[in-house]
Amino acid sequence: MSVFALKIIACVTMLIDHFGAAIMMPALGDPWDVDIYWLLRGIGRIAFPIFAYLIAQGCVHTKNIGKYLFRLGLLAIISEPFFSIAFRGANIDFLRNTNIFYTLFLGVAAIAICQRIRQILTGGFGEVISVFAVVPAMVIAGWLNSDYSFYGVGIIFLIYIMRPESRMGRSVALSLGMAALYFDNLNFLIFSLVAVGLIALYNSKPGPNSAAIKWGFYFFYPAHIAALIALRVIFFQ
């Protein structure tokens, strides 16, 4: 399974999840008693493990992690108004209850600091100290209450530490991360472990790849949320 295929699966399952959150939730009022709502939100749990893995893998292969951070930060800012309107009651706040790109940005920031520490402090001591690079990023994610919060940052970092190019490493890291994230929700845990299985099938191939495709996947996030907002306005307001 290529990077392109994983991104398509992640985007489709995220869209299904967000349709449930942005359209069905306000339409139903109390949707948690409705089976289809549970199903849509469950399917959505497949998306984040894939995004987390691709972010960690991207940090291994990127030639310029600074540019990587810039892209994620840019999309975080662009996406926040749409995210707030769709899921946070239209209360736009760039420093509270923030979107998933904040979490991805902080995950990459932790990895960048980890890499820098390892360059400065070589040997076992540097390896040990570098692991603590994730702590400030997790604290900030918790303060921002970004999507998936400190769990998300920790999962991205754990995948990186356990080597995303290793099938065993990424499978163990993701399984542990999903168990911690969904320890109290068996339905969500099962769906998230589907993603772990899909990622285990990754074949290290990029698939179709171009600048347009790369930026298309980035901008799919704010674009699909904007489309869901428009649908909600047309049909329910």
Protein backbone atom coordinates (compact mmCIF):
# COMPACT_ATOMS: atom_id res chain seq x y z
CA MET A 1 0.00 0.00 0.00
CA SER A 2 1.50 3.32 -1.11
CA VAL A 3 1.60 6.70 0.61
CA PHE A 4 -0.97 7.94 -1.90
CA ALA A 5 -3.37 5.09 -1.05
CA LEU A 6 -3.00 5.70 2.69
CA LYS A 7 -3.70 9.42 2.22
CA ILE A 8 -6.85 8.68 0.21
CA ILE A 9 -8.13 6.32 2.92
CA ALA A 10 -7.33 8.88 5.63
CA CYS A 11 -9.08 11.71 3.77
CA VAL A 12 -12.20 9.65 3.01
CA THR A 13 -12.58 8.34 6.56
CA MET A 14 -11.95 11.84 7.95
CA LEU A 15 -14.67 13.21 5.67
CA ILE A 16 -17.10 10.54 6.91
CA ASP A 17 -16.25 11.38 10.51
CA HIS A 18 -16.63 15.12 9.99
CA PHE A 19 -19.93 14.63 8.19
CA GLY A 20 -21.19 12.97 11.34
CA ALA A 21 -19.81 15.70 13.60
CA ALA A 22 -20.72 18.74 11.49
CA ILE A 23 -23.98 17.63 9.87
CA MET A 24 -25.57 14.77 11.81
CA MET A 25 -24.82 16.04 15.30
CA PRO A 26 -26.63 19.38 14.93
CA ALA A 27 -29.40 17.73 12.92
CA LEU A 28 -30.09 15.00 15.50
CA GLY A 29 -29.54 17.02 18.65
CA ASP A 30 -28.53 14.00 20.76
CA PRO A 31 -26.94 11.68 18.19
CA TRP A 32 -25.18 9.25 20.53
CA ASP A 33 -28.29 7.04 20.67
CA VAL A 34 -28.31 6.73 16.88
CA ASP A 35 -26.38 3.75 15.50
CA ILE A 36 -25.44 5.39 12.19
CA TYR A 37 -23.84 8.30 14.04
CA TRP A 38 -21.70 5.90 16.07
CA LEU A 39 -20.72 4.13 12.86
CA LEU A 40 -19.69 7.34 11.10
CA ARG A 41 -17.61 8.51 14.05
CA GLY A 42 -16.11 5.04 14.41
CA ILE A 43 -15.02 4.97 10.78
CA GLY A 44 -13.43 8.34 11.38
CA ARG A 45 -11.06 6.80 13.94
CA ILE A 46 -9.18 5.23 11.02
CA ALA A 47 -7.94 8.62 9.84
CA PHE A 48 -5.75 9.90 12.66
CA PRO A 49 -3.44 6.86 13.00
CA ILE A 50 -2.71 7.13 9.27
CA PHE A 51 -2.00 10.86 9.47
CA ALA A 52 0.17 10.35 12.55
CA TYR A 53 2.19 7.66 10.81
CA LEU A 54 2.63 9.67 7.62
CA ILE A 55 3.79 12.69 9.63
CA ALA A 56 6.39 10.62 11.52
CA GLN A 57 7.51 8.96 8.29
CA GLY A 58 7.69 12.37 6.61
CA CYS A 59 10.10 13.56 9.29
CA VAL A 60 12.44 10.69 8.39
CA HIS A 61 12.44 11.50 4.68
CA THR A 62 12.06 15.28 4.51
CA LYS A 63 15.10 17.21 3.31
CA ASN A 64 14.07 20.32 5.24
CA ILE A 65 12.10 19.85 8.42
CA GLY A 66 11.79 23.63 8.78
CA LYS A 67 9.78 23.84 5.55
CA TYR A 68 7.72 20.88 6.76
CA LEU A 69 6.89 22.80 9.93
CA PHE A 70 6.05 25.91 7.91
CA ARG A 71 3.51 24.01 5.76
CA LEU A 72 1.83 22.49 8.79
CA GLY A 73 1.77 25.81 10.64
CA LEU A 74 0.32 27.59 7.63
CA LEU A 75 -2.49 25.04 7.30
CA ALA A 76 -3.15 25.22 11.04
CA ILE A 77 -3.83 28.96 10.81
CA ILE A 78 -5.81 28.73 7.56
CA SER A 79 -7.95 25.86 8.85
CA GLU A 80 -8.78 27.21 12.29
CA PRO A 81 -11.71 29.52 11.38
CA PHE A 82 -13.39 26.70 9.42
CA PHE A 83 -12.72 24.20 12.21
CA SER A 84 -14.10 26.52 14.88
CA ILE A 85 -17.27 27.29 12.93
CA ALA A 86 -17.91 23.64 12.09
CA PHE A 87 -17.10 21.99 15.43
CA ARG A 88 -16.68 24.62 18.15
CA GLY A 89 -19.84 26.68 17.96
CA ALA A 90 -18.43 29.43 15.71
CA ASN A 91 -16.23 30.74 18.55
CA ILE A 92 -13.03 31.32 16.56
CA ASP A 93 -10.02 31.16 18.83
CA PHE A 94 -6.54 30.45 17.48
CA LEU A 95 -5.26 29.47 20.93
CA ARG A 96 -7.99 27.22 22.30
CA ASN A 97 -9.75 24.07 21.03
CA THR A 98 -7.64 24.04 17.90
CA ASN A 99 -7.56 21.85 14.79
CA ILE A 100 -5.50 18.76 13.98
CA PHE A 101 -2.79 20.70 12.15
CA TYR A 102 -1.75 22.21 15.49
CA THR A 103 -1.22 18.68 16.78
CA LEU A 104 0.69 17.63 13.67
CA PHE A 105 2.83 20.78 13.87
CA LEU A 106 3.70 20.12 17.51
CA GLY A 107 4.49 16.48 16.76
CA VAL A 108 6.96 17.51 14.06
CA ALA A 109 8.38 20.25 16.31
CA ALA A 110 9.11 17.64 18.99
CA ILE A 111 10.82 15.42 16.42
CA ALA A 112 12.87 18.37 15.10
CA ILE A 113 14.09 19.17 18.62
CA CYS A 114 14.83 15.49 19.19
CA GLN A 115 16.93 15.38 16.02
CA ARG A 116 18.81 18.53 17.02
CA ILE A 117 19.60 17.19 20.49
CA ARG A 118 20.98 14.01 18.95
CA GLN A 119 23.23 16.07 16.69
CA ILE A 120 24.61 18.06 19.62
CA LEU A 121 24.78 15.26 22.21
CA THR A 122 26.01 12.12 20.51
CA GLY A 123 25.94 8.71 22.12
CA GLY A 124 23.59 7.12 24.61
CA PHE A 125 23.21 10.25 26.74
CA GLY A 126 21.93 12.23 23.77
CA GLU A 127 19.53 9.41 22.87
CA VAL A 128 18.04 9.47 26.37
CA ILE A 129 17.79 13.27 26.64
CA SER A 130 16.27 13.60 23.17
CA VAL A 131 13.22 11.59 24.22
CA PHE A 132 12.21 14.40 26.57
CA ALA A 133 11.84 16.73 23.58
CA VAL A 134 8.22 15.60 23.36
CA VAL A 135 7.26 16.91 26.81
CA PRO A 136 7.00 20.65 26.00
CA ALA A 137 5.08 19.88 22.80
CA MET A 138 2.62 17.68 24.68
CA VAL A 139 2.11 20.35 27.33
CA ILE A 140 1.40 22.98 24.66
CA ALA A 141 -1.02 20.63 22.86
CA GLY A 142 -2.86 20.07 26.14
CA TRP A 143 -3.03 23.81 26.81
CA LEU A 144 -4.31 24.49 23.28
CA ASN A 145 -6.68 21.53 23.54
CA SER A 146 -5.76 20.76 19.95
CA ASP A 147 -7.52 17.91 18.18
CA TYR A 148 -6.27 14.67 19.85
CA SER A 149 -4.38 16.93 22.26
CA PHE A 150 -1.22 15.63 23.95
CA TYR A 151 -2.16 12.06 23.02
CA GLY A 152 -1.79 12.94 19.35
CA VAL A 153 1.62 14.57 19.81
CA GLY A 154 2.81 11.65 21.92
CA ILE A 155 1.66 9.09 19.36
CA ILE A 156 3.45 10.86 16.49
CA PHE A 157 6.64 11.05 18.55
CA LEU A 158 6.38 7.41 19.66
CA ILE A 159 6.06 6.25 16.04
CA TYR A 160 9.19 8.22 15.18
CA ILE A 161 11.18 6.89 18.15
CA MET A 162 10.20 3.30 17.30
CA ARG A 163 11.22 3.80 13.65
CA PRO A 164 8.31 4.30 11.24
CA GLU A 165 10.18 2.43 8.49
CA SER A 166 10.04 -0.72 10.65
CA ARG A 167 6.77 -2.66 10.24
CA MET A 168 7.10 -4.02 13.76
CA GLY A 169 8.08 -0.66 15.23
CA ARG A 170 5.20 1.29 13.71
CA SER A 171 2.67 -1.45 14.50
CA VAL A 172 3.67 -1.61 18.16
CA ALA A 173 3.82 2.18 18.51
CA LEU A 174 0.40 2.68 16.92
CA SER A 175 -1.21 -0.18 18.84
CA LEU A 176 0.05 1.23 22.14
CA GLY A 177 -1.03 4.72 21.15
CA MET A 178 -4.53 3.66 20.15
CA ALA A 179 -4.93 1.60 23.33
CA ALA A 180 -4.03 4.66 25.41
CA LEU A 181 -6.26 6.98 23.37
CA TYR A 182 -9.35 4.74 23.31
CA PHE A 183 -8.94 2.63 26.44
CA ASP A 184 -12.51 3.49 27.45
CA ASN A 185 -14.18 3.09 24.05
CA LEU A 186 -13.98 -0.37 22.48
CA ASN A 187 -15.86 0.69 19.35
CA PHE A 188 -13.36 3.46 18.55
CA LEU A 189 -10.42 1.24 19.49
CA ILE A 190 -11.44 -1.48 17.03
CA PHE A 191 -11.78 0.99 14.16
CA SER A 192 -8.44 2.63 14.98
CA LEU A 193 -6.74 -0.77 14.92
CA VAL A 194 -8.02 -1.22 11.37
CA ALA A 195 -5.71 1.67 10.50
CA VAL A 196 -2.82 -0.10 12.22
CA GLY A 197 -3.41 -3.08 9.92
CA LEU A 198 -3.52 -0.87 6.84
CA ILE A 199 -0.30 0.87 7.82
CA ALA A 200 1.37 -2.50 8.32
CA LEU A 201 0.73 -3.09 4.60
CA TYR A 202 2.65 0.06 3.60
CA ASN A 203 5.12 -0.86 0.87
CA SER A 204 7.42 2.21 1.05
CA LYS A 205 6.18 3.37 -2.36
CA PRO A 206 4.98 6.97 -2.79
CA GLY A 207 2.40 6.25 -5.48
CA PRO A 208 1.25 9.19 -7.64
CA ASN A 209 3.21 12.18 -6.46
CA SER A 210 3.49 15.79 -7.60
CA ALA A 211 3.39 19.27 -6.09
CA ALA A 212 -0.29 19.58 -7.01
CA ILE A 213 -1.15 16.29 -5.32
CA LYS A 214 0.88 17.19 -2.22
CA TRP A 215 -0.76 20.58 -1.78
CA GLY A 216 -4.14 19.10 -2.72
CA PHE A 217 -3.98 16.77 0.27
CA TYR A 218 -2.96 19.65 2.54
CA PHE A 219 -5.82 21.89 1.44
CA PHE A 220 -8.37 19.09 1.45
CA TYR A 221 -8.67 19.63 5.19
CA PRO A 222 -9.96 23.23 5.25
CA ALA A 223 -11.78 22.75 1.92
CA HIS A 224 -13.88 19.79 3.03
CA ILE A 225 -14.77 21.49 6.31
CA ALA A 226 -15.84 24.61 4.41
CA ALA A 227 -18.04 22.43 2.19
CA LEU A 228 -19.66 20.80 5.23
CA ILE A 229 -20.35 24.22 6.74
CA ALA A 230 -22.06 25.26 3.50
CA LEU A 231 -24.18 22.10 3.49
CA ARG A 232 -25.22 22.69 7.08
CA VAL A 233 -26.23 26.27 6.34
CA ILE A 234 -28.22 25.26 3.27
CA PHE A 235 -30.12 22.35 4.79
CA PHE A 236 -30.33 22.98 8.52
CA GLN A 237 -30.32 26.74 9.07
